N, C-alpha and C. Protein backbone atom coordinates (compact mmCIF):
# COMPACT_ATOMS: atom_id res chain seq x y z
N MET A 1 28.56 -30.93 -3.66
CA MET A 1 27.46 -30.75 -4.59
C MET A 1 26.49 -29.71 -4.04
N GLU A 2 26.09 -28.80 -4.90
CA GLU A 2 25.19 -27.72 -4.50
C GLU A 2 23.79 -28.25 -4.19
N LYS A 3 23.18 -27.70 -3.15
CA LYS A 3 21.85 -28.13 -2.74
C LYS A 3 20.77 -27.36 -3.51
N ARG A 4 19.72 -28.07 -3.91
CA ARG A 4 18.59 -27.43 -4.59
C ARG A 4 17.67 -26.81 -3.55
N LYS A 5 17.26 -25.58 -3.82
CA LYS A 5 16.37 -24.85 -2.92
C LYS A 5 15.26 -24.22 -3.74
N ASN A 6 14.20 -23.78 -3.06
CA ASN A 6 13.16 -22.99 -3.72
C ASN A 6 13.68 -21.59 -3.95
N TYR A 7 13.48 -21.09 -5.15
CA TYR A 7 13.79 -19.71 -5.49
C TYR A 7 12.57 -19.05 -6.10
N THR A 8 12.34 -17.80 -5.71
CA THR A 8 11.31 -16.99 -6.33
C THR A 8 12.01 -16.08 -7.32
N VAL A 9 11.68 -16.24 -8.58
CA VAL A 9 12.26 -15.43 -9.65
C VAL A 9 11.25 -14.35 -10.00
N SER A 10 11.66 -13.09 -9.94
CA SER A 10 10.82 -11.96 -10.32
C SER A 10 11.36 -11.36 -11.60
N VAL A 11 10.50 -11.27 -12.61
CA VAL A 11 10.91 -10.75 -13.90
C VAL A 11 10.04 -9.54 -14.23
N TYR A 12 10.66 -8.37 -14.36
CA TYR A 12 9.94 -7.15 -14.74
C TYR A 12 10.05 -6.99 -16.25
N THR A 13 8.90 -6.81 -16.91
CA THR A 13 8.87 -6.81 -18.37
C THR A 13 7.93 -5.77 -18.95
N GLU A 14 8.10 -5.57 -20.25
CA GLU A 14 7.08 -4.89 -21.02
C GLU A 14 6.00 -5.93 -21.28
N ASN A 15 4.81 -5.51 -21.69
CA ASN A 15 3.72 -6.44 -21.94
C ASN A 15 3.65 -6.77 -23.43
N ASN A 16 4.34 -7.83 -23.84
CA ASN A 16 4.38 -8.20 -25.26
C ASN A 16 3.93 -9.64 -25.46
N VAL A 17 3.25 -9.87 -26.57
CA VAL A 17 2.79 -11.20 -26.94
C VAL A 17 4.00 -12.11 -27.16
N GLY A 18 3.91 -13.33 -26.65
CA GLY A 18 4.96 -14.33 -26.87
C GLY A 18 6.04 -14.38 -25.82
N LEU A 19 6.12 -13.37 -24.97
CA LEU A 19 7.18 -13.34 -23.96
C LEU A 19 7.01 -14.47 -22.94
N LEU A 20 5.80 -14.73 -22.53
CA LEU A 20 5.55 -15.81 -21.58
C LEU A 20 6.07 -17.14 -22.14
N HIS A 21 5.81 -17.38 -23.40
CA HIS A 21 6.29 -18.61 -24.04
C HIS A 21 7.82 -18.67 -24.04
N ARG A 22 8.46 -17.57 -24.41
CA ARG A 22 9.93 -17.57 -24.48
C ARG A 22 10.57 -17.76 -23.11
N ILE A 23 9.97 -17.15 -22.08
CA ILE A 23 10.52 -17.32 -20.73
C ILE A 23 10.33 -18.75 -20.24
N SER A 24 9.14 -19.30 -20.46
CA SER A 24 8.93 -20.69 -20.01
C SER A 24 9.82 -21.65 -20.80
N ALA A 25 10.13 -21.33 -22.05
CA ALA A 25 11.03 -22.17 -22.86
C ALA A 25 12.44 -22.22 -22.28
N ILE A 26 12.87 -21.13 -21.64
CA ILE A 26 14.19 -21.11 -21.01
C ILE A 26 14.26 -22.20 -19.94
N PHE A 27 13.19 -22.36 -19.17
CA PHE A 27 13.15 -23.40 -18.13
C PHE A 27 13.01 -24.79 -18.78
N LEU A 28 12.18 -24.88 -19.81
CA LEU A 28 11.95 -26.15 -20.49
C LEU A 28 13.25 -26.72 -21.07
N LYS A 29 14.03 -25.88 -21.74
CA LYS A 29 15.28 -26.33 -22.36
C LYS A 29 16.24 -26.90 -21.34
N ARG A 30 16.16 -26.45 -20.10
CA ARG A 30 17.06 -26.91 -19.04
C ARG A 30 16.42 -28.00 -18.17
N HIS A 31 15.23 -28.45 -18.56
CA HIS A 31 14.49 -29.48 -17.82
C HIS A 31 14.22 -29.06 -16.37
N ILE A 32 13.86 -27.79 -16.20
CA ILE A 32 13.56 -27.26 -14.88
C ILE A 32 12.04 -27.16 -14.75
N ASN A 33 11.50 -27.81 -13.74
CA ASN A 33 10.06 -27.77 -13.50
C ASN A 33 9.68 -26.46 -12.83
N ILE A 34 8.69 -25.79 -13.36
CA ILE A 34 8.17 -24.56 -12.74
C ILE A 34 7.11 -24.97 -11.73
N GLU A 35 7.34 -24.65 -10.46
CA GLU A 35 6.41 -25.00 -9.39
C GLU A 35 5.18 -24.10 -9.40
N SER A 36 5.39 -22.82 -9.75
CA SER A 36 4.32 -21.83 -9.72
C SER A 36 4.69 -20.70 -10.66
N PHE A 37 3.68 -20.14 -11.33
CA PHE A 37 3.92 -19.04 -12.28
C PHE A 37 2.74 -18.08 -12.16
N THR A 38 3.02 -16.84 -11.81
CA THR A 38 1.99 -15.82 -11.67
C THR A 38 2.46 -14.57 -12.40
N THR A 39 1.55 -13.88 -13.04
CA THR A 39 1.91 -12.64 -13.70
C THR A 39 0.83 -11.59 -13.43
N SER A 40 1.27 -10.34 -13.30
CA SER A 40 0.32 -9.25 -13.08
C SER A 40 1.04 -7.92 -13.35
N GLU A 41 0.26 -6.86 -13.29
CA GLU A 41 0.87 -5.55 -13.36
C GLU A 41 1.75 -5.36 -12.13
N SER A 42 2.78 -4.57 -12.25
CA SER A 42 3.66 -4.31 -11.11
C SER A 42 3.31 -2.97 -10.49
N GLU A 43 4.15 -2.54 -9.59
CA GLU A 43 3.97 -1.25 -8.92
C GLU A 43 4.27 -0.08 -9.84
N ILE A 44 4.79 -0.38 -11.04
CA ILE A 44 5.18 0.65 -11.99
C ILE A 44 4.26 0.59 -13.21
N LYS A 45 3.73 1.73 -13.60
CA LYS A 45 2.79 1.78 -14.72
C LYS A 45 3.41 1.19 -15.99
N ASN A 46 2.63 0.36 -16.69
CA ASN A 46 3.03 -0.28 -17.95
C ASN A 46 4.18 -1.28 -17.82
N VAL A 47 4.49 -1.69 -16.61
CA VAL A 47 5.50 -2.72 -16.38
C VAL A 47 4.81 -3.88 -15.68
N TYR A 48 5.09 -5.08 -16.18
CA TYR A 48 4.46 -6.29 -15.65
C TYR A 48 5.50 -7.13 -14.93
N ARG A 49 5.01 -7.95 -14.01
CA ARG A 49 5.91 -8.76 -13.20
C ARG A 49 5.49 -10.22 -13.28
N PHE A 50 6.43 -11.06 -13.63
CA PHE A 50 6.23 -12.50 -13.58
C PHE A 50 6.86 -12.97 -12.27
N ILE A 51 6.16 -13.82 -11.55
CA ILE A 51 6.71 -14.44 -10.34
C ILE A 51 6.74 -15.95 -10.61
N ILE A 52 7.94 -16.49 -10.65
CA ILE A 52 8.14 -17.89 -11.01
C ILE A 52 8.83 -18.58 -9.83
N VAL A 53 8.28 -19.71 -9.40
CA VAL A 53 8.90 -20.47 -8.31
C VAL A 53 9.50 -21.74 -8.90
N VAL A 54 10.78 -21.94 -8.62
CA VAL A 54 11.50 -23.11 -9.11
C VAL A 54 12.33 -23.70 -7.98
N LYS A 55 12.64 -24.97 -8.10
CA LYS A 55 13.54 -25.63 -7.14
C LYS A 55 14.79 -26.00 -7.92
N MET A 56 15.90 -25.35 -7.57
CA MET A 56 17.15 -25.59 -8.29
C MET A 56 18.33 -25.10 -7.46
N THR A 57 19.51 -25.23 -8.02
CA THR A 57 20.71 -24.76 -7.32
C THR A 57 20.88 -23.26 -7.53
N LYS A 58 21.68 -22.64 -6.68
CA LYS A 58 21.94 -21.20 -6.82
C LYS A 58 22.64 -20.90 -8.14
N SER A 59 23.63 -21.69 -8.50
CA SER A 59 24.33 -21.43 -9.77
C SER A 59 23.39 -21.62 -10.95
N GLY A 60 22.48 -22.57 -10.85
CA GLY A 60 21.50 -22.78 -11.92
C GLY A 60 20.55 -21.61 -12.06
N VAL A 61 20.05 -21.09 -10.96
CA VAL A 61 19.12 -19.96 -11.03
C VAL A 61 19.85 -18.71 -11.54
N GLU A 62 21.12 -18.56 -11.20
CA GLU A 62 21.89 -17.42 -11.71
C GLU A 62 22.03 -17.48 -13.23
N ARG A 63 22.26 -18.70 -13.77
CA ARG A 63 22.37 -18.86 -15.22
C ARG A 63 21.02 -18.58 -15.90
N VAL A 64 19.95 -19.04 -15.30
CA VAL A 64 18.61 -18.82 -15.86
C VAL A 64 18.29 -17.32 -15.88
N ILE A 65 18.63 -16.61 -14.81
CA ILE A 65 18.38 -15.16 -14.75
C ILE A 65 19.10 -14.46 -15.90
N LYS A 66 20.34 -14.84 -16.17
CA LYS A 66 21.10 -14.24 -17.28
C LYS A 66 20.41 -14.49 -18.62
N GLN A 67 19.88 -15.69 -18.81
CA GLN A 67 19.18 -16.01 -20.05
C GLN A 67 17.88 -15.22 -20.17
N ILE A 68 17.15 -15.09 -19.08
CA ILE A 68 15.90 -14.33 -19.09
C ILE A 68 16.18 -12.88 -19.45
N GLU A 69 17.23 -12.31 -18.88
CA GLU A 69 17.54 -10.90 -19.13
C GLU A 69 18.00 -10.63 -20.56
N LYS A 70 18.30 -11.67 -21.32
CA LYS A 70 18.64 -11.49 -22.74
C LYS A 70 17.41 -11.22 -23.60
N GLN A 71 16.23 -11.51 -23.06
CA GLN A 71 15.00 -11.25 -23.80
C GLN A 71 14.82 -9.73 -23.91
N VAL A 72 14.54 -9.24 -25.09
CA VAL A 72 14.46 -7.80 -25.36
C VAL A 72 13.47 -7.10 -24.44
N GLU A 73 12.32 -7.69 -24.21
CA GLU A 73 11.28 -7.04 -23.43
C GLU A 73 11.51 -7.07 -21.92
N VAL A 74 12.48 -7.84 -21.46
CA VAL A 74 12.74 -7.97 -20.03
C VAL A 74 13.56 -6.77 -19.56
N ILE A 75 13.05 -6.11 -18.55
CA ILE A 75 13.73 -4.94 -17.98
C ILE A 75 14.78 -5.40 -16.97
N LYS A 76 14.37 -6.29 -16.07
CA LYS A 76 15.28 -6.80 -15.04
C LYS A 76 14.69 -8.05 -14.43
N ALA A 77 15.55 -8.96 -14.04
CA ALA A 77 15.12 -10.18 -13.35
C ALA A 77 15.91 -10.31 -12.05
N PHE A 78 15.24 -10.82 -11.03
CA PHE A 78 15.83 -11.01 -9.71
C PHE A 78 15.50 -12.42 -9.24
N TYR A 79 16.27 -12.93 -8.28
CA TYR A 79 15.88 -14.18 -7.63
C TYR A 79 16.09 -14.03 -6.13
N HIS A 80 15.25 -14.73 -5.38
CA HIS A 80 15.31 -14.69 -3.91
C HIS A 80 15.01 -16.07 -3.34
N ARG A 81 15.65 -16.39 -2.24
CA ARG A 81 15.30 -17.58 -1.48
C ARG A 81 13.99 -17.32 -0.74
N ASP A 82 13.35 -18.39 -0.27
CA ASP A 82 12.09 -18.24 0.45
C ASP A 82 12.23 -17.34 1.68
N ASP A 83 13.36 -17.43 2.38
CA ASP A 83 13.53 -16.62 3.59
C ASP A 83 13.78 -15.14 3.28
N GLU A 84 13.95 -14.80 2.00
CA GLU A 84 14.16 -13.41 1.60
C GLU A 84 12.88 -12.77 1.04
N THR A 85 11.77 -13.53 1.08
CA THR A 85 10.52 -13.00 0.54
C THR A 85 9.37 -13.19 1.52
N ILE A 86 8.34 -12.42 1.27
CA ILE A 86 7.06 -12.60 1.95
C ILE A 86 6.11 -13.08 0.86
N PHE A 87 5.54 -14.26 1.03
CA PHE A 87 4.74 -14.83 -0.05
C PHE A 87 3.48 -15.51 0.49
N GLN A 88 2.49 -15.59 -0.40
CA GLN A 88 1.21 -16.21 -0.10
C GLN A 88 0.65 -16.82 -1.38
N GLU A 89 -0.38 -17.65 -1.22
CA GLU A 89 -1.17 -18.18 -2.32
C GLU A 89 -2.62 -18.06 -1.92
N SER A 90 -3.51 -18.08 -2.89
CA SER A 90 -4.95 -18.08 -2.62
C SER A 90 -5.56 -19.32 -3.23
N ALA A 91 -6.60 -19.82 -2.59
CA ALA A 91 -7.29 -21.00 -3.11
C ALA A 91 -8.80 -20.80 -2.99
N LEU A 92 -9.53 -21.39 -3.93
CA LEU A 92 -10.99 -21.39 -3.90
C LEU A 92 -11.47 -22.83 -3.87
N TYR A 93 -12.48 -23.09 -3.05
CA TYR A 93 -13.04 -24.42 -2.88
C TYR A 93 -14.55 -24.30 -3.11
N LYS A 94 -15.08 -25.01 -4.08
CA LYS A 94 -16.51 -24.98 -4.39
C LYS A 94 -17.14 -26.26 -3.87
N MET A 95 -18.24 -26.11 -3.10
CA MET A 95 -18.91 -27.27 -2.51
C MET A 95 -20.42 -27.13 -2.66
N LYS A 96 -21.13 -28.25 -2.56
CA LYS A 96 -22.59 -28.22 -2.61
C LYS A 96 -23.13 -27.44 -1.42
N SER A 97 -24.12 -26.61 -1.65
CA SER A 97 -24.71 -25.81 -0.56
C SER A 97 -25.29 -26.69 0.53
N SER A 98 -25.84 -27.82 0.16
CA SER A 98 -26.44 -28.71 1.17
C SER A 98 -25.41 -29.11 2.23
N ALA A 99 -24.14 -29.26 1.83
CA ALA A 99 -23.10 -29.65 2.78
C ALA A 99 -22.92 -28.60 3.88
N LEU A 100 -23.10 -27.34 3.54
CA LEU A 100 -22.91 -26.27 4.51
C LEU A 100 -23.96 -26.35 5.62
N PHE A 101 -25.16 -26.77 5.27
CA PHE A 101 -26.26 -26.80 6.24
C PHE A 101 -26.42 -28.17 6.89
N GLU A 102 -26.06 -29.24 6.18
CA GLU A 102 -26.21 -30.58 6.71
C GLU A 102 -25.00 -31.04 7.53
N GLU A 103 -23.85 -30.52 7.21
CA GLU A 103 -22.60 -30.90 7.89
C GLU A 103 -22.09 -29.70 8.69
N ARG A 104 -22.57 -29.53 9.88
CA ARG A 104 -22.18 -28.38 10.71
C ARG A 104 -20.67 -28.32 10.94
N HIS A 105 -20.03 -29.46 10.86
CA HIS A 105 -18.58 -29.53 11.06
C HIS A 105 -17.83 -28.67 10.04
N ILE A 106 -18.38 -28.52 8.84
CA ILE A 106 -17.73 -27.72 7.80
C ILE A 106 -17.56 -26.27 8.26
N GLN A 107 -18.56 -25.73 8.93
CA GLN A 107 -18.45 -24.35 9.41
C GLN A 107 -17.29 -24.20 10.39
N ASN A 108 -17.06 -25.20 11.23
CA ASN A 108 -15.93 -25.16 12.16
C ASN A 108 -14.60 -25.27 11.41
N ILE A 109 -14.55 -26.11 10.38
CA ILE A 109 -13.32 -26.24 9.57
C ILE A 109 -12.98 -24.90 8.94
N ILE A 110 -13.98 -24.23 8.39
CA ILE A 110 -13.77 -22.94 7.74
C ILE A 110 -13.27 -21.92 8.76
N LYS A 111 -13.92 -21.87 9.89
CA LYS A 111 -13.54 -20.91 10.95
C LYS A 111 -12.12 -21.20 11.47
N ASP A 112 -11.84 -22.46 11.76
CA ASP A 112 -10.54 -22.84 12.33
C ASP A 112 -9.38 -22.58 11.35
N SER A 113 -9.66 -22.61 10.06
CA SER A 113 -8.60 -22.42 9.07
C SER A 113 -8.45 -20.95 8.66
N ASN A 114 -9.24 -20.06 9.28
CA ASN A 114 -9.23 -18.64 8.92
C ASN A 114 -9.58 -18.41 7.45
N ALA A 115 -10.42 -19.29 6.90
CA ALA A 115 -10.92 -19.11 5.54
C ALA A 115 -12.22 -18.32 5.64
N ARG A 116 -12.77 -17.98 4.48
CA ARG A 116 -14.04 -17.26 4.49
C ARG A 116 -14.91 -17.72 3.34
N ILE A 117 -16.20 -17.64 3.54
CA ILE A 117 -17.16 -17.98 2.49
C ILE A 117 -17.36 -16.72 1.65
N VAL A 118 -17.15 -16.83 0.34
CA VAL A 118 -17.26 -15.65 -0.53
C VAL A 118 -18.58 -15.59 -1.27
N THR A 119 -19.25 -16.71 -1.44
CA THR A 119 -20.57 -16.70 -2.07
C THR A 119 -21.34 -17.95 -1.69
N VAL A 120 -22.65 -17.78 -1.58
CA VAL A 120 -23.54 -18.90 -1.28
C VAL A 120 -24.77 -18.74 -2.16
N ASN A 121 -25.18 -19.83 -2.81
CA ASN A 121 -26.47 -19.85 -3.48
C ASN A 121 -27.11 -21.21 -3.26
N THR A 122 -28.22 -21.49 -3.90
CA THR A 122 -28.95 -22.74 -3.62
C THR A 122 -28.19 -23.98 -4.07
N GLU A 123 -27.31 -23.84 -5.05
CA GLU A 123 -26.58 -24.99 -5.59
C GLU A 123 -25.23 -25.24 -4.93
N PHE A 124 -24.50 -24.15 -4.65
CA PHE A 124 -23.13 -24.31 -4.16
C PHE A 124 -22.73 -23.11 -3.30
N PHE A 125 -21.61 -23.28 -2.60
CA PHE A 125 -20.96 -22.16 -1.91
C PHE A 125 -19.47 -22.25 -2.19
N VAL A 126 -18.78 -21.10 -2.09
CA VAL A 126 -17.36 -21.02 -2.40
C VAL A 126 -16.61 -20.48 -1.19
N ILE A 127 -15.54 -21.15 -0.84
CA ILE A 127 -14.68 -20.77 0.27
C ILE A 127 -13.37 -20.24 -0.31
N GLU A 128 -12.85 -19.18 0.29
CA GLU A 128 -11.55 -18.62 -0.11
C GLU A 128 -10.59 -18.73 1.05
N LYS A 129 -9.38 -19.17 0.75
CA LYS A 129 -8.33 -19.27 1.76
C LYS A 129 -7.04 -18.69 1.20
N THR A 130 -6.43 -17.79 1.93
CA THR A 130 -5.13 -17.24 1.56
C THR A 130 -4.13 -17.67 2.62
N GLY A 131 -2.97 -18.10 2.17
CA GLY A 131 -1.95 -18.53 3.11
C GLY A 131 -0.80 -19.20 2.39
N PHE A 132 -0.03 -19.97 3.14
CA PHE A 132 1.06 -20.74 2.56
C PHE A 132 0.48 -21.98 1.90
N ARG A 133 1.25 -22.61 1.03
CA ARG A 133 0.76 -23.79 0.31
C ARG A 133 0.28 -24.88 1.28
N ASN A 134 1.01 -25.11 2.36
CA ASN A 134 0.58 -26.15 3.29
C ASN A 134 -0.76 -25.80 3.96
N ASP A 135 -1.07 -24.52 4.13
CA ASP A 135 -2.36 -24.10 4.70
C ASP A 135 -3.50 -24.42 3.74
N THR A 136 -3.30 -24.10 2.45
CA THR A 136 -4.37 -24.37 1.47
C THR A 136 -4.53 -25.86 1.24
N GLU A 137 -3.44 -26.61 1.31
CA GLU A 137 -3.52 -28.07 1.16
C GLU A 137 -4.23 -28.71 2.34
N LYS A 138 -3.97 -28.21 3.55
CA LYS A 138 -4.64 -28.76 4.73
C LYS A 138 -6.15 -28.55 4.64
N LEU A 139 -6.56 -27.35 4.24
CA LEU A 139 -8.00 -27.10 4.09
C LEU A 139 -8.59 -28.01 3.02
N TYR A 140 -7.86 -28.23 1.93
CA TYR A 140 -8.31 -29.15 0.89
C TYR A 140 -8.57 -30.54 1.49
N LYS A 141 -7.60 -31.04 2.24
CA LYS A 141 -7.73 -32.38 2.85
C LYS A 141 -8.89 -32.43 3.84
N ASP A 142 -9.10 -31.34 4.58
CA ASP A 142 -10.19 -31.30 5.55
C ASP A 142 -11.57 -31.26 4.88
N LEU A 143 -11.65 -30.59 3.72
CA LEU A 143 -12.94 -30.46 3.02
C LEU A 143 -13.24 -31.62 2.08
N ALA A 144 -12.23 -32.31 1.60
CA ALA A 144 -12.40 -33.37 0.60
C ALA A 144 -13.44 -34.43 1.00
N PRO A 145 -13.48 -34.88 2.24
CA PRO A 145 -14.48 -35.90 2.59
C PRO A 145 -15.94 -35.43 2.44
N PHE A 146 -16.14 -34.13 2.38
CA PHE A 146 -17.50 -33.58 2.27
C PHE A 146 -17.90 -33.32 0.82
N GLY A 147 -17.03 -33.64 -0.12
CA GLY A 147 -17.36 -33.54 -1.53
C GLY A 147 -17.06 -32.20 -2.18
N LEU A 148 -15.82 -31.98 -2.54
CA LEU A 148 -15.45 -30.77 -3.27
C LEU A 148 -15.95 -30.88 -4.71
N LEU A 149 -16.59 -29.83 -5.21
CA LEU A 149 -17.03 -29.79 -6.60
C LEU A 149 -15.90 -29.27 -7.49
N GLN A 150 -15.19 -28.26 -7.00
CA GLN A 150 -14.06 -27.69 -7.73
C GLN A 150 -13.05 -27.15 -6.73
N PHE A 151 -11.80 -27.11 -7.19
CA PHE A 151 -10.73 -26.56 -6.38
C PHE A 151 -9.74 -25.90 -7.32
N THR A 152 -9.25 -24.73 -6.95
CA THR A 152 -8.19 -24.08 -7.71
C THR A 152 -7.32 -23.27 -6.75
N ARG A 153 -6.04 -23.20 -7.11
CA ARG A 153 -5.10 -22.45 -6.27
C ARG A 153 -4.28 -21.54 -7.18
N SER A 154 -4.00 -20.35 -6.71
CA SER A 154 -3.19 -19.42 -7.48
C SER A 154 -1.73 -19.82 -7.39
N GLY A 155 -0.94 -19.22 -8.23
CA GLY A 155 0.50 -19.33 -8.06
C GLY A 155 0.92 -18.41 -6.92
N ARG A 156 2.17 -18.48 -6.58
CA ARG A 156 2.70 -17.65 -5.50
C ARG A 156 2.66 -16.18 -5.89
N ILE A 157 2.28 -15.36 -4.95
CA ILE A 157 2.49 -13.92 -5.06
C ILE A 157 3.50 -13.57 -3.98
N ALA A 158 4.43 -12.69 -4.31
CA ALA A 158 5.53 -12.46 -3.38
C ALA A 158 6.08 -11.05 -3.52
N VAL A 159 6.60 -10.56 -2.42
CA VAL A 159 7.38 -9.33 -2.41
C VAL A 159 8.68 -9.65 -1.67
N SER A 160 9.75 -8.99 -2.08
CA SER A 160 11.03 -9.24 -1.41
C SER A 160 11.09 -8.44 -0.12
N LYS A 161 11.84 -8.95 0.82
CA LYS A 161 12.03 -8.22 2.08
C LYS A 161 12.96 -7.04 1.87
N GLU A 162 13.91 -7.20 0.98
CA GLU A 162 14.87 -6.13 0.68
C GLU A 162 14.42 -5.34 -0.54
N LYS A 163 14.86 -4.12 -0.63
CA LYS A 163 14.56 -3.26 -1.78
C LYS A 163 15.20 -3.86 -3.03
N MET A 164 14.43 -3.92 -4.14
CA MET A 164 14.99 -4.47 -5.38
C MET A 164 15.50 -3.38 -6.30
N GLY A 165 15.08 -2.15 -6.13
CA GLY A 165 15.62 -1.05 -6.92
C GLY A 165 15.12 -0.98 -8.35
N ILE A 166 13.99 -1.59 -8.64
CA ILE A 166 13.50 -1.59 -10.02
C ILE A 166 13.11 -0.19 -10.48
N SER A 167 12.58 0.63 -9.61
CA SER A 167 12.20 2.00 -10.00
C SER A 167 13.41 2.80 -10.44
N GLU A 168 14.52 2.64 -9.74
CA GLU A 168 15.75 3.35 -10.11
C GLU A 168 16.26 2.86 -11.47
N ILE A 169 16.16 1.57 -11.72
CA ILE A 169 16.58 1.02 -13.00
C ILE A 169 15.73 1.60 -14.13
N LEU A 170 14.42 1.68 -13.91
CA LEU A 170 13.54 2.24 -14.94
C LEU A 170 13.82 3.71 -15.19
N ASN A 171 14.09 4.45 -14.14
CA ASN A 171 14.42 5.86 -14.32
C ASN A 171 15.69 6.04 -15.15
N THR A 172 16.65 5.14 -14.99
CA THR A 172 17.87 5.17 -15.79
C THR A 172 17.54 4.99 -17.28
N PHE A 173 16.63 4.04 -17.57
CA PHE A 173 16.22 3.80 -18.96
C PHE A 173 15.51 5.03 -19.52
N LYS A 174 14.61 5.63 -18.74
CA LYS A 174 13.86 6.80 -19.20
C LYS A 174 14.80 7.97 -19.51
N ASN A 175 15.81 8.15 -18.68
CA ASN A 175 16.76 9.25 -18.87
C ASN A 175 17.66 9.03 -20.08
N GLN A 176 17.88 7.77 -20.48
CA GLN A 176 18.74 7.47 -21.62
C GLN A 176 18.02 7.73 -22.95
N LYS A 177 16.69 7.71 -22.93
CA LYS A 177 15.92 7.89 -24.19
C LYS A 177 15.86 9.32 -24.62
């Protein structure tokens, strides 16, 4: 039986309304839980990149990639194991300002976790931490006893260790037109 692993799926697309829904529906129809979903502009002008993290088998992710690539707006989709990518997440932690001055221990937690304070005002302060999921979760657990007001974490952002060749693929499309 094939073992389920984390895969980072990178989908290069045109920017069209409804595509996000259609791509997420591909996972929904197969009862695949999306662990993380991030989208942004890519390194190529007018091309966007979805980064989707899923836990599944290799054969399953290969089938999903084929289905994603059937979408008209999708230029190319790739998948990589965690050891084939460099990835990070970012998290923001909002806390009462009084905690920063009354609980000196918080300053040590922030320093020890390599996080940074991004804003301070009379009501609250915000801490930013970039790292692996376990790093942002550890800081969450360390700060929770002091009263978190809000917490949010981004989805995974990732680049592959190996060349993906998307620029060459796009040049092929441009030359065919």
